[in-house]
Amino acid sequence: MLEAPRARIAAVAAHLPSRYRTMDEIRVKITETGGYAPPPGLLEDLTGVRGVHVRADGENASDLAVAAARKALDEAGLKIDDVDLLLFAATAHDLIEPATAHLVAAKLGALCPVFDVKNACNSVLNAMEVAAAFIAAGRYRTILIACGEVGSLVTRWHAPDRQALLRAMPGYTASDAGAAMVLTAGPAGEDDPGVLALRFIANSAAWQACTVAGGGTMHARSVDDDHTTLRLNGDLRQGVLDVLPQILTASESEIQAVRTGAFIAFHQIAMPQFHETLDLFSLPEDRCMPTVAEHGNCAAASLPLQLVKAREADRIEPGDTVAMLGLASGFSFGLALVRW
């Protein structure tokens, strides 16, 4: 009996808008609204982030995704007609209806089936799970995952007091970015490249800890800052701690493989959280990359961005095992092990 094909990453790409907003520029903009005026250096001290990327005027989530997708297709040596399925995977979207995947496909000239995969900052990881399953089943051979994030839209500019500022803190590190992956079918031999393992765990009781509440059925047309900006309503770290025993027990062999991998990418929202994640999972810091310090929290684009930066630094070579850890509001945990 022939082995099912294995999904392999044929290309990964990222696109960062050229406009850059420093933390001091963010502080000044908050101060100009007439609410709480954070003292100089406070945002940098609390987050460890220097600044964020900001989309150009009129640029949408689909545009950022398209820019990255074109880079990924070029890297893979493919044309858009070679793609059998297109998945848009991001926290952001252009419209509530239709799926943003259709806008991405139209801009790329794709004629293949498309749909969105959405699970906060784990959207790209979940899209990898979907793509790997389709490829293993023989349904599709080449799948394009495109991601466009516009975190600058959920930044709260008017903070009436210090507490409101602290609740809105994740929004000040939110960065705009595009990312893309091309997954193709390949052999599944012992030493062949591709996706080796995928695991996902949810602690959905913690869904209220971090929200952007506007636009859904709860607050469909609200313009209240508490609804339209990224807001901390609880302790995100507690969401991780509550599910940590389940993660470590269910994923013991995979977690060990993560620790011994050549490179480890994990979702990053600020530098304190970067160090907390290293401690929680006992990860070797020299095999991780704190991209959040320079590029901010790129949401679902953050894992592909780290892979791109690691390859540019020659930290990933063919045959290496690479780990991707996703931590997302909801609360969800995702893990992917990939042989490059």
C-alpha atoms as a PDB file:
ATOM      1  CA  MET A   1       0.000   0.000   0.000  1.00  0.00           C
ATOM      2  CA  LEU A   2       1.359   3.385  -1.007  1.00  0.00           C
ATOM      3  CA  GLU A   3       1.971   5.957   1.728  1.00  0.00           C
ATOM      4  CA  ALA A   4      -0.188   9.066   1.740  1.00  0.00           C
ATOM      5  CA  PRO A   5       1.684  12.087   0.390  1.00  0.00           C
ATOM      6  CA  ARG A   6       3.219  14.471   2.918  1.00  0.00           C
ATOM      7  CA  ALA A   7       2.635  18.210   2.792  1.00  0.00           C
ATOM      8  CA  ARG A   8       5.909  20.085   2.462  1.00  0.00           C
ATOM      9  CA  ILE A   9       6.593  23.807   2.634  1.00  0.00           C
ATOM     10  CA  ALA A  10       7.745  24.757  -0.855  1.00  0.00           C
ATOM     11  CA  ALA A  11       7.979  28.461   0.009  1.00  0.00           C
ATOM     12  CA  VAL A  12       7.356  30.942   2.791  1.00  0.00           C
ATOM     13  CA  ALA A  13       7.283  34.719   2.453  1.00  0.00           C
ATOM     14  CA  ALA A  14       6.504  37.867   4.387  1.00  0.00           C
ATOM     15  CA  HIS A  15       5.624  41.421   3.425  1.00  0.00           C
ATOM     16  CA  LEU A  16       6.142  44.353   5.805  1.00  0.00           C
ATOM     17  CA  PRO A  17       4.727  47.785   4.914  1.00  0.00           C
ATOM     18  CA  SER A  18       7.444  50.431   4.624  1.00  0.00           C
ATOM     19  CA  ARG A  19       5.705  52.882   6.937  1.00  0.00           C
ATOM     20  CA  TYR A  20       7.014  52.463  10.491  1.00  0.00           C
ATOM     21  CA  ARG A  21       5.530  53.931  13.673  1.00  0.00           C
ATOM     22  CA  THR A  22       7.788  54.120  16.715  1.00  0.00           C
ATOM     23  CA  MET A  23       6.517  53.678  20.243  1.00  0.00           C
ATOM     24  CA  ASP A  24       7.246  57.332  20.941  1.00  0.00           C
ATOM     25  CA  GLU A  25       5.093  58.334  17.957  1.00  0.00           C
ATOM     26  CA  ILE A  26       2.338  56.121  19.368  1.00  0.00           C
ATOM     27  CA  ARG A  27       2.740  57.800  22.776  1.00  0.00           C
ATOM     28  CA  VAL A  28       2.448  61.257  21.213  1.00  0.00           C
ATOM     29  CA  LYS A  29      -0.688  60.255  19.294  1.00  0.00           C
ATOM     30  CA  ILE A  30      -2.307  58.909  22.487  1.00  0.00           C
ATOM     31  CA  THR A  31      -1.422  62.122  24.317  1.00  0.00           C
ATOM     32  CA  GLU A  32      -2.933  64.295  21.553  1.00  0.00           C
ATOM     33  CA  THR A  33      -6.387  62.759  22.100  1.00  0.00           C
ATOM     34  CA  GLY A  34      -6.671  64.575  25.436  1.00  0.00           C
ATOM     35  CA  GLY A  35      -6.980  61.473  27.606  1.00  0.00           C
ATOM     36  CA  TYR A  36      -4.314  59.842  29.730  1.00  0.00           C
ATOM     37  CA  ALA A  37      -0.835  60.975  28.678  1.00  0.00           C
ATOM     38  CA  PRO A  38       1.687  58.137  29.137  1.00  0.00           C
ATOM     39  CA  PRO A  39       5.113  59.371  30.231  1.00  0.00           C
ATOM     40  CA  PRO A  40       7.995  59.069  27.736  1.00  0.00           C
ATOM     41  CA  GLY A  41       9.471  55.591  27.633  1.00  0.00           C
ATOM     42  CA  LEU A  42       6.518  53.867  29.340  1.00  0.00           C
ATOM     43  CA  LEU A  43       5.316  51.936  26.283  1.00  0.00           C
ATOM     44  CA  GLU A  44       8.833  50.793  25.419  1.00  0.00           C
ATOM     45  CA  ASP A  45       9.496  49.741  29.028  1.00  0.00           C
ATOM     46  CA  LEU A  46       6.256  47.750  29.309  1.00  0.00           C
ATOM     47  CA  THR A  47       6.418  46.035  25.911  1.00  0.00           C
ATOM     48  CA  GLY A  48      10.087  45.933  24.883  1.00  0.00           C
ATOM     49  CA  VAL A  49       8.882  46.870  21.374  1.00  0.00           C
ATOM     50  CA  ARG A  50      10.540  49.657  19.376  1.00  0.00           C
ATOM     51  CA  GLY A  51       7.787  50.176  16.815  1.00  0.00           C
ATOM     52  CA  VAL A  52       5.263  48.657  14.403  1.00  0.00           C
ATOM     53  CA  HIS A  53       4.640  48.518  10.654  1.00  0.00           C
ATOM     54  CA  VAL A  54       1.643  50.429   9.308  1.00  0.00           C
ATOM     55  CA  ARG A  55      -0.154  49.829   6.020  1.00  0.00           C
ATOM     56  CA  ALA A  56      -0.332  52.525   3.353  1.00  0.00           C
ATOM     57  CA  ASP A  57      -3.502  54.579   3.014  1.00  0.00           C
ATOM     58  CA  GLY A  58      -6.162  52.515   1.265  1.00  0.00           C
ATOM     59  CA  GLU A  59      -4.232  49.260   1.666  1.00  0.00           C
ATOM     60  CA  ASN A  60      -6.359  46.342   2.876  1.00  0.00           C
ATOM     61  CA  ALA A  61      -5.694  42.967   4.460  1.00  0.00           C
ATOM     62  CA  SER A  62      -6.047  41.312   1.050  1.00  0.00           C
ATOM     63  CA  ASP A  63      -3.400  43.622  -0.454  1.00  0.00           C
ATOM     64  CA  LEU A  64      -0.857  42.660   2.210  1.00  0.00           C
ATOM     65  CA  ALA A  65      -1.688  38.983   1.645  1.00  0.00           C
ATOM     66  CA  VAL A  66      -1.326  39.342  -2.132  1.00  0.00           C
ATOM     67  CA  ALA A  67       2.101  41.015  -1.816  1.00  0.00           C
ATOM     68  CA  ALA A  68       3.363  38.108   0.294  1.00  0.00           C
ATOM     69  CA  ALA A  69       1.665  35.493  -1.903  1.00  0.00           C
ATOM     70  CA  ARG A  70       3.412  36.759  -5.009  1.00  0.00           C
ATOM     71  CA  LYS A  71       6.776  36.451  -3.261  1.00  0.00           C
ATOM     72  CA  ALA A  72       5.970  32.891  -2.135  1.00  0.00           C
ATOM     73  CA  LEU A  73       4.855  31.805  -5.618  1.00  0.00           C
ATOM     74  CA  ASP A  74       8.033  33.247  -7.143  1.00  0.00           C
ATOM     75  CA  GLU A  75      10.161  31.438  -4.569  1.00  0.00           C
ATOM     76  CA  ALA A  76       8.384  28.153  -5.290  1.00  0.00           C
ATOM     77  CA  GLY A  77       8.761  28.692  -9.047  1.00  0.00           C
ATOM     78  CA  LEU A  78       4.985  28.458  -9.519  1.00  0.00           C
ATOM     79  CA  LYS A  79       2.290  30.426 -11.309  1.00  0.00           C
ATOM     80  CA  ILE A  80      -1.085  31.119  -9.749  1.00  0.00           C
ATOM     81  CA  ASP A  81      -2.630  28.593 -12.180  1.00  0.00           C
ATOM     82  CA  ASP A  82      -0.569  25.882 -10.452  1.00  0.00           C
ATOM     83  CA  VAL A  83      -2.466  26.445  -7.171  1.00  0.00           C
ATOM     84  CA  ASP A  84      -5.281  23.963  -6.480  1.00  0.00           C
ATOM     85  CA  LEU A  85      -6.667  25.672  -3.356  1.00  0.00           C
ATOM     86  CA  LEU A  86      -6.229  29.126  -1.809  1.00  0.00           C
ATOM     87  CA  LEU A  87      -6.753  29.705   1.912  1.00  0.00           C
ATOM     88  CA  PHE A  88      -6.867  33.153   3.499  1.00  0.00           C
ATOM     89  CA  ALA A  89      -5.806  32.826   7.145  1.00  0.00           C
ATOM     90  CA  ALA A  90      -5.699  35.870   9.426  1.00  0.00           C
ATOM     91  CA  THR A  91      -7.342  37.678  12.308  1.00  0.00           C
ATOM     92  CA  ALA A  92      -8.223  40.463   9.855  1.00  0.00           C
ATOM     93  CA  HIS A  93     -10.569  40.508   6.880  1.00  0.00           C
ATOM     94  CA  ASP A  94     -11.606  42.999   4.195  1.00  0.00           C
ATOM     95  CA  LEU A  95     -15.351  42.403   4.528  1.00  0.00           C
ATOM     96  CA  ILE A  96     -17.710  40.379   6.684  1.00  0.00           C
ATOM     97  CA  GLU A  97     -18.996  38.853   3.433  1.00  0.00           C
ATOM     98  CA  PRO A  98     -17.656  37.456   1.146  1.00  0.00           C
ATOM     99  CA  ALA A  99     -14.614  35.568   2.410  1.00  0.00           C
ATOM    100  CA  THR A 100     -11.440  37.617   2.004  1.00  0.00           C
ATOM    101  CA  ALA A 101      -9.941  34.646   0.153  1.00  0.00           C
ATOM    102  CA  HIS A 102     -12.080  35.666  -2.827  1.00  0.00           C
ATOM    103  CA  LEU A 103     -10.550  39.165  -2.899  1.00  0.00           C
ATOM    104  CA  VAL A 104      -7.054  37.706  -2.660  1.00  0.00           C
ATOM    105  CA  ALA A 105      -7.840  35.240  -5.456  1.00  0.00           C
ATOM    106  CA  ALA A 106      -9.294  37.962  -7.688  1.00  0.00           C
ATOM    107  CA  LYS A 107      -6.194  40.140  -7.259  1.00  0.00           C
ATOM    108  CA  LEU A 108      -3.899  37.192  -8.017  1.00  0.00           C
ATOM    109  CA  GLY A 109      -6.032  35.964 -10.925  1.00  0.00           C
ATOM    110  CA  ALA A 110      -6.712  32.601  -9.257  1.00  0.00           C
ATOM    111  CA  LEU A 111      -9.533  30.383 -10.527  1.00  0.00           C
ATOM    112  CA  CYS A 112      -9.197  27.626  -7.889  1.00  0.00           C
ATOM    113  CA  PRO A 113     -11.505  26.977  -4.904  1.00  0.00           C
ATOM    114  CA  VAL A 114     -10.951  29.337  -1.952  1.00  0.00           C
ATOM    115  CA  PHE A 115     -12.088  29.850   1.632  1.00  0.00           C
ATOM    116  CA  ASP A 116     -11.058  31.569   4.865  1.00  0.00           C
ATOM    117  CA  VAL A 117      -9.554  29.921   7.954  1.00  0.00           C
ATOM    118  CA  LYS A 118      -9.949  32.067  11.057  1.00  0.00           C
ATOM    119  CA  ASN A 119      -8.738  31.350  14.592  1.00  0.00           C
ATOM    120  CA  ALA A 120      -7.156  34.575  15.865  1.00  0.00           C
ATOM    121  CA  CYS A 121      -3.344  34.439  15.808  1.00  0.00           C
ATOM    122  CA  ASN A 122      -3.360  30.673  15.150  1.00  0.00           C
ATOM    123  CA  SER A 123      -5.085  31.136  11.790  1.00  0.00           C
ATOM    124  CA  VAL A 124      -2.010  30.275   9.700  1.00  0.00           C
ATOM    125  CA  LEU A 125      -1.230  27.206  11.832  1.00  0.00           C
ATOM    126  CA  ASN A 126      -4.810  25.976  11.463  1.00  0.00           C
ATOM    127  CA  ALA A 127      -4.612  26.611   7.715  1.00  0.00           C
ATOM    128  CA  MET A 128      -1.498  24.421   7.668  1.00  0.00           C
ATOM    129  CA  GLU A 129      -3.521  21.698   9.418  1.00  0.00           C
ATOM    130  CA  VAL A 130      -6.275  21.972   6.800  1.00  0.00           C
ATOM    131  CA  ALA A 131      -3.780  22.000   3.929  1.00  0.00           C
ATOM    132  CA  ALA A 132      -1.811  19.028   5.275  1.00  0.00           C
ATOM    133  CA  ALA A 133      -5.012  16.980   5.647  1.00  0.00           C
ATOM    134  CA  PHE A 134      -6.185  17.803   2.123  1.00  0.00           C
ATOM    135  CA  ILE A 135      -2.784  16.932   0.661  1.00  0.00           C
ATOM    136  CA  ALA A 136      -2.560  13.659   2.627  1.00  0.00           C
ATOM    137  CA  ALA A 137      -6.040  12.717   1.388  1.00  0.00           C
ATOM    138  CA  GLY A 138      -5.018  13.398  -2.206  1.00  0.00           C
ATOM    139  CA  ARG A 139      -7.676  16.091  -2.611  1.00  0.00           C
ATOM    140  CA  TYR A 140      -5.239  18.849  -3.625  1.00  0.00           C
ATOM    141  CA  ARG A 141      -1.525  18.856  -4.439  1.00  0.00           C
ATOM    142  CA  THR A 142      -0.605  22.554  -4.202  1.00  0.00           C
ATOM    143  CA  ILE A 143      -2.149  24.885  -1.646  1.00  0.00           C
ATOM    144  CA  LEU A 144      -1.448  28.581  -1.133  1.00  0.00           C
ATOM    145  CA  ILE A 145      -1.981  30.038   2.357  1.00  0.00           C
ATOM    146  CA  ALA A 146      -2.169  33.845   2.335  1.00  0.00           C
ATOM    147  CA  CYS A 147      -2.339  36.080   5.395  1.00  0.00           C
ATOM    148  CA  GLY A 148      -2.936  39.821   5.701  1.00  0.00           C
ATOM    149  CA  GLU A 149      -2.942  41.519   9.112  1.00  0.00           C
ATOM    150  CA  VAL A 150      -3.977  45.128   9.840  1.00  0.00           C
ATOM    151  CA  GLY A 151      -3.408  45.364  13.582  1.00  0.00           C
ATOM    152  CA  SER A 152      -3.102  49.152  13.347  1.00  0.00           C
ATOM    153  CA  LEU A 153      -6.898  49.269  13.027  1.00  0.00           C
ATOM    154  CA  VAL A 154      -7.442  47.899  16.544  1.00  0.00           C
ATOM    155  CA  THR A 155      -5.101  50.316  18.341  1.00  0.00           C
ATOM    156  CA  ARG A 156      -6.866  52.441  20.968  1.00  0.00           C
ATOM    157  CA  TRP A 157      -5.829  56.082  20.721  1.00  0.00           C
ATOM    158  CA  HIS A 158      -8.002  57.667  23.418  1.00  0.00           C
ATOM    159  CA  ALA A 159      -7.311  56.182  26.847  1.00  0.00           C
ATOM    160  CA  PRO A 160      -9.248  58.050  29.562  1.00  0.00           C
ATOM    161  CA  ASP A 161      -6.987  56.773  32.344  1.00  0.00           C
ATOM    162  CA  ARG A 162      -3.973  54.565  33.041  1.00  0.00           C
ATOM    163  CA  GLN A 163      -6.113  51.453  33.518  1.00  0.00           C
ATOM    164  CA  ALA A 164      -7.694  51.908  30.109  1.00  0.00           C
ATOM    165  CA  LEU A 165      -4.215  52.278  28.622  1.00  0.00           C
ATOM    166  CA  LEU A 166      -3.056  49.038  30.239  1.00  0.00           C
ATOM    167  CA  ARG A 167      -6.144  47.158  29.009  1.00  0.00           C
ATOM    168  CA  ALA A 168      -5.401  48.450  25.507  1.00  0.00           C
ATOM    169  CA  MET A 169      -1.670  47.635  25.697  1.00  0.00           C
ATOM    170  CA  PRO A 170      -1.740  44.671  23.226  1.00  0.00           C
ATOM    171  CA  GLY A 171      -3.043  47.065  20.582  1.00  0.00           C
ATOM    172  CA  TYR A 172       0.033  49.273  20.826  1.00  0.00           C
ATOM    173  CA  THR A 173       2.294  46.433  19.682  1.00  0.00           C
ATOM    174  CA  ALA A 174      -0.103  45.310  16.903  1.00  0.00           C
ATOM    175  CA  SER A 175       1.634  45.515  13.528  1.00  0.00           C
ATOM    176  CA  ASP A 176       0.484  45.313   9.923  1.00  0.00           C
ATOM    177  CA  ALA A 177       1.993  42.534   7.809  1.00  0.00           C
ATOM    178  CA  GLY A 178       1.432  40.037   5.057  1.00  0.00           C
ATOM    179  CA  ALA A 179       2.610  36.420   4.941  1.00  0.00           C
ATOM    180  CA  ALA A 180       2.234  33.419   2.681  1.00  0.00           C
ATOM    181  CA  MET A 181       3.118  29.754   2.416  1.00  0.00           C
ATOM    182  CA  VAL A 182       2.991  27.317  -0.461  1.00  0.00           C
ATOM    183  CA  LEU A 183       2.442  23.699   0.563  1.00  0.00           C
ATOM    184  CA  THR A 184       2.885  20.930  -2.001  1.00  0.00           C
ATOM    185  CA  ALA A 185       2.545  17.156  -1.977  1.00  0.00           C
ATOM    186  CA  GLY A 186       5.728  15.126  -1.630  1.00  0.00           C
ATOM    187  CA  PRO A 187       6.914  11.669  -0.583  1.00  0.00           C
ATOM    188  CA  ALA A 188       6.527  10.666   3.063  1.00  0.00           C
ATOM    189  CA  GLY A 189       9.726   8.704   3.604  1.00  0.00           C
ATOM    190  CA  GLU A 190      11.581   8.694   6.928  1.00  0.00           C
ATOM    191  CA  ASP A 191      13.994  11.448   5.865  1.00  0.00           C
ATOM    192  CA  ASP A 192      11.771  13.344   3.445  1.00  0.00           C
ATOM    193  CA  PRO A 193      10.920  16.995   4.158  1.00  0.00           C
ATOM    194  CA  GLY A 194       7.454  18.135   5.147  1.00  0.00           C
ATOM    195  CA  VAL A 195       4.993  18.508   7.981  1.00  0.00           C
ATOM    196  CA  LEU A 196       5.817  15.809  10.530  1.00  0.00           C
ATOM    197  CA  ALA A 197       3.304  16.561  13.276  1.00  0.00           C
ATOM    198  CA  LEU A 198       0.427  18.899  14.089  1.00  0.00           C
ATOM    199  CA  ARG A 199      -1.356  19.263  17.412  1.00  0.00           C
ATOM    200  CA  PHE A 200      -4.010  21.678  18.646  1.00  0.00           C
ATOM    201  CA  ILE A 201      -5.556  22.234  22.071  1.00  0.00           C
ATOM    202  CA  ALA A 202      -8.217  24.744  23.158  1.00  0.00           C
ATOM    203  CA  ASN A 203      -9.218  26.287  26.478  1.00  0.00           C
ATOM    204  CA  SER A 204     -12.323  28.023  25.176  1.00  0.00           C
ATOM    205  CA  ALA A 205     -13.576  28.966  28.637  1.00  0.00           C
ATOM    206  CA  ALA A 206     -10.930  31.730  28.497  1.00  0.00           C
ATOM    207  CA  TRP A 207     -12.373  33.345  25.351  1.00  0.00           C
ATOM    208  CA  GLN A 208     -13.156  36.660  27.057  1.00  0.00           C
ATOM    209  CA  ALA A 209      -9.556  37.361  28.130  1.00  0.00           C
ATOM    210  CA  CYS A 210      -8.670  39.300  24.970  1.00  0.00           C
ATOM    211  CA  THR A 211     -11.229  40.582  22.471  1.00  0.00           C
ATOM    212  CA  VAL A 212     -12.076  42.861  19.579  1.00  0.00           C
ATOM    213  CA  ALA A 213     -15.821  42.846  20.172  1.00  0.00           C
ATOM    214  CA  GLY A 214     -17.228  45.084  17.439  1.00  0.00           C
ATOM    215  CA  GLY A 215     -18.543  43.876  14.107  1.00  0.00           C
ATOM    216  CA  GLY A 216     -20.114  40.637  15.326  1.00  0.00           C
ATOM    217  CA  THR A 217     -23.666  39.980  16.466  1.00  0.00           C
ATOM    218  CA  MET A 218     -22.917  41.183  20.017  1.00  0.00           C
ATOM    219  CA  HIS A 219     -21.917  44.701  18.929  1.00  0.00           C
ATOM    220  CA  ALA A 220     -22.671  44.836  15.219  1.00  0.00           C
ATOM    221  CA  ARG A 221     -22.533  48.605  14.695  1.00  0.00           C
ATOM    222  CA  SER A 222     -20.825  49.821  17.833  1.00  0.00           C
ATOM    223  CA  VAL A 223     -18.212  52.575  17.580  1.00  0.00           C
ATOM    224  CA  ASP A 224     -17.297  52.376  21.273  1.00  0.00           C
ATOM    225  CA  ASP A 225     -13.524  52.139  21.760  1.00  0.00           C
ATOM    226  CA  ASP A 226     -14.055  49.195  24.121  1.00  0.00           C
ATOM    227  CA  HIS A 227     -15.598  47.273  21.211  1.00  0.00           C
ATOM    228  CA  THR A 228     -13.537  48.349  18.213  1.00  0.00           C
ATOM    229  CA  THR A 229     -10.037  48.082  19.684  1.00  0.00           C
ATOM    230  CA  LEU A 230      -7.960  45.205  21.020  1.00  0.00           C
ATOM    231  CA  ARG A 231      -8.749  44.931  24.717  1.00  0.00           C
ATOM    232  CA  LEU A 232      -7.442  42.833  27.582  1.00  0.00           C
ATOM    233  CA  ASN A 233     -10.325  41.704  29.781  1.00  0.00           C
ATOM    234  CA  GLY A 234      -8.391  39.133  31.795  1.00  0.00           C
ATOM    235  CA  ASP A 235      -5.047  37.417  32.198  1.00  0.00           C
ATOM    236  CA  LEU A 236      -3.831  35.822  28.974  1.00  0.00           C
ATOM    237  CA  ARG A 237      -0.991  34.153  30.853  1.00  0.00           C
ATOM    238  CA  GLN A 238      -3.539  32.377  33.051  1.00  0.00           C
ATOM    239  CA  GLY A 239      -5.148  30.940  29.928  1.00  0.00           C
ATOM    240  CA  VAL A 240      -1.808  29.343  29.074  1.00  0.00           C
ATOM    241  CA  LEU A 241      -1.224  28.089  32.612  1.00  0.00           C
ATOM    242  CA  ASP A 242      -4.702  26.521  32.804  1.00  0.00           C
ATOM    243  CA  VAL A 243      -4.090  24.445  29.698  1.00  0.00           C
ATOM    244  CA  LEU A 244      -0.325  23.908  30.161  1.00  0.00           C
ATOM    245  CA  PRO A 245      -0.611  20.469  31.857  1.00  0.00           C
ATOM    246  CA  GLN A 246      -2.825  19.308  28.992  1.00  0.00           C
ATOM    247  CA  ILE A 247      -0.326  20.641  26.456  1.00  0.00           C
ATOM    248  CA  LEU A 248       2.675  19.019  28.085  1.00  0.00           C
ATOM    249  CA  THR A 249       0.927  15.679  28.659  1.00  0.00           C
ATOM    250  CA  ALA A 250      -0.747  15.349  25.264  1.00  0.00           C
ATOM    251  CA  SER A 251       2.270  16.653  23.365  1.00  0.00           C
ATOM    252  CA  GLU A 252       5.177  15.273  25.420  1.00  0.00           C
ATOM    253  CA  SER A 253       7.074  13.732  22.518  1.00  0.00           C
ATOM    254  CA  GLU A 254       6.369  16.696  20.254  1.00  0.00           C
ATOM    255  CA  ILE A 255       7.438  19.219  22.907  1.00  0.00           C
ATOM    256  CA  GLN A 256      10.715  17.337  23.309  1.00  0.00           C
ATOM    257  CA  ALA A 257      11.179  17.457  19.540  1.00  0.00           C
ATOM    258  CA  VAL A 258      10.495  21.205  19.674  1.00  0.00           C
ATOM    259  CA  ARG A 259      13.265  21.735  22.233  1.00  0.00           C
ATOM    260  CA  THR A 260      15.807  19.867  20.108  1.00  0.00           C
ATOM    261  CA  GLY A 261      14.806  21.453  16.792  1.00  0.00           C
ATOM    262  CA  ALA A 262      17.156  23.709  14.832  1.00  0.00           C
ATOM    263  CA  PHE A 263      14.776  26.671  15.062  1.00  0.00           C
ATOM    264  CA  ILE A 264      11.658  27.436  17.107  1.00  0.00           C
ATOM    265  CA  ALA A 265       9.127  30.063  16.049  1.00  0.00           C
ATOM    266  CA  PHE A 266       6.380  31.045  18.463  1.00  0.00           C
ATOM    267  CA  HIS A 267       3.756  33.755  18.519  1.00  0.00           C
ATOM    268  CA  GLN A 268       4.997  36.950  20.160  1.00  0.00           C
ATOM    269  CA  ILE A 269       2.976  39.918  21.453  1.00  0.00           C
ATOM    270  CA  ALA A 270       5.679  41.701  23.517  1.00  0.00           C
ATOM    271  CA  MET A 271       9.121  41.006  24.925  1.00  0.00           C
ATOM    272  CA  PRO A 272       7.938  40.070  28.466  1.00  0.00           C
ATOM    273  CA  GLN A 273       5.676  37.413  26.890  1.00  0.00           C
ATOM    274  CA  PHE A 274       8.605  36.249  24.721  1.00  0.00           C
ATOM    275  CA  HIS A 275      10.646  35.494  27.858  1.00  0.00           C
ATOM    276  CA  GLU A 276       7.652  33.968  29.679  1.00  0.00           C
ATOM    277  CA  THR A 277       7.108  31.544  26.793  1.00  0.00           C
ATOM    278  CA  LEU A 278      10.770  30.516  26.878  1.00  0.00           C
ATOM    279  CA  ASP A 279      10.366  29.743  30.592  1.00  0.00           C
ATOM    280  CA  LEU A 280       6.968  28.014  30.330  1.00  0.00           C
ATOM    281  CA  PHE A 281       8.135  25.525  27.703  1.00  0.00           C
ATOM    282  CA  SER A 282      11.833  25.413  28.691  1.00  0.00           C
ATOM    283  CA  LEU A 283      12.858  26.541  25.202  1.00  0.00           C
ATOM    284  CA  PRO A 284      16.503  27.249  24.321  1.00  0.00           C
ATOM    285  CA  GLU A 285      16.717  31.001  23.698  1.00  0.00           C
ATOM    286  CA  ASP A 286      19.550  30.644  21.185  1.00  0.00           C
ATOM    287  CA  ARG A 287      17.205  28.755  18.824  1.00  0.00           C
ATOM    288  CA  CYS A 288      14.435  31.377  18.983  1.00  0.00           C
ATOM    289  CA  MET A 289      14.193  34.864  17.468  1.00  0.00           C
ATOM    290  CA  PRO A 290      12.506  37.841  19.200  1.00  0.00           C
ATOM    291  CA  THR A 291      11.090  39.495  16.066  1.00  0.00           C
ATOM    292  CA  VAL A 292       8.459  41.318  18.130  1.00  0.00           C
ATOM    293  CA  ALA A 293      11.068  43.807  19.407  1.00  0.00           C
ATOM    294  CA  GLU A 294      11.620  45.267  15.937  1.00  0.00           C
ATOM    295  CA  HIS A 295       8.467  44.346  14.037  1.00  0.00           C
ATOM    296  CA  GLY A 296       5.727  44.281  16.668  1.00  0.00           C
ATOM    297  CA  ASN A 297       2.980  41.696  17.017  1.00  0.00           C
ATOM    298  CA  CYS A 298       2.160  40.604  13.468  1.00  0.00           C
ATOM    299  CA  ALA A 299      -0.685  38.338  14.665  1.00  0.00           C
ATOM    300  CA  ALA A 300      -1.111  35.257  12.429  1.00  0.00           C
ATOM    301  CA  ALA A 301       1.716  36.502  10.179  1.00  0.00           C
ATOM    302  CA  SER A 302       4.226  36.320  13.032  1.00  0.00           C
ATOM    303  CA  LEU A 303       5.231  32.659  12.586  1.00  0.00           C
ATOM    304  CA  PRO A 304       5.914  32.894   8.827  1.00  0.00           C
ATOM    305  CA  LEU A 305       7.786  36.161   9.472  1.00  0.00           C
ATOM    306  CA  GLN A 306      10.078  34.412  11.961  1.00  0.00           C
ATOM    307  CA  LEU A 307      10.760  31.620   9.466  1.00  0.00           C
ATOM    308  CA  VAL A 308      11.665  34.178   6.798  1.00  0.00           C
ATOM    309  CA  LYS A 309      13.983  36.070   9.164  1.00  0.00           C
ATOM    310  CA  ALA A 310      15.601  32.830  10.337  1.00  0.00           C
ATOM    311  CA  ARG A 311      16.313  31.743   6.763  1.00  0.00           C
ATOM    312  CA  GLU A 312      17.774  35.170   5.948  1.00  0.00           C
ATOM    313  CA  ALA A 313      20.108  34.703   8.935  1.00  0.00           C
ATOM    314  CA  ASP A 314      21.073  31.170   7.733  1.00  0.00           C
ATOM    315  CA  ARG A 315      19.540  29.641  10.853  1.00  0.00           C
ATOM    316  CA  ILE A 316      17.466  27.098   8.867  1.00  0.00           C
ATOM    317  CA  GLU A 317      19.044  24.657   6.424  1.00  0.00           C
ATOM    318  CA  PRO A 318      17.636  21.755   4.391  1.00  0.00           C
ATOM    319  CA  GLY A 319      17.033  18.742   6.631  1.00  0.00           C
ATOM    320  CA  ASP A 320      16.562  20.829   9.791  1.00  0.00           C
ATOM    321  CA  THR A 321      13.562  20.249  12.030  1.00  0.00           C
ATOM    322  CA  VAL A 322      11.678  23.482  12.645  1.00  0.00           C
ATOM    323  CA  ALA A 323       8.981  23.994  15.268  1.00  0.00           C
ATOM    324  CA  MET A 324       6.092  26.452  15.203  1.00  0.00           C
ATOM    325  CA  LEU A 325       4.157  27.187  18.401  1.00  0.00           C
ATOM    326  CA  GLY A 326       0.920  29.132  18.263  1.00  0.00           C
ATOM    327  CA  LEU A 327      -0.633  30.869  21.269  1.00  0.00           C
ATOM    328  CA  ALA A 328      -3.865  32.680  20.462  1.00  0.00           C
ATOM    329  CA  SER A 329      -6.739  34.398  22.202  1.00  0.00           C
ATOM    330  CA  GLY A 330      -9.694  32.117  22.485  1.00  0.00           C
ATOM    331  CA  PHE A 331      -7.651  30.434  24.088  1.00  0.00           C
ATOM    332  CA  SER A 332      -5.910  28.037  21.711  1.00  0.00           C
ATOM    333  CA  PHE A 333      -2.506  26.362  21.426  1.00  0.00           C
ATOM    334  CA  GLY A 334      -1.069  24.951  18.228  1.00  0.00           C
ATOM    335  CA  LEU A 335       2.112  23.095  17.365  1.00  0.00           C
ATOM    336  CA  ALA A 336       3.644  22.177  14.041  1.00  0.00           C
ATOM    337  CA  LEU A 337       6.846  20.206  13.473  1.00  0.00           C
ATOM    338  CA  VAL A 338       8.322  20.551  10.007  1.00  0.00           C
ATOM    339  CA  ARG A 339      11.402  19.057   8.375  1.00  0.00           C
ATOM    340  CA  TRP A 340      12.842  21.697   6.057  1.00  0.00           C
END
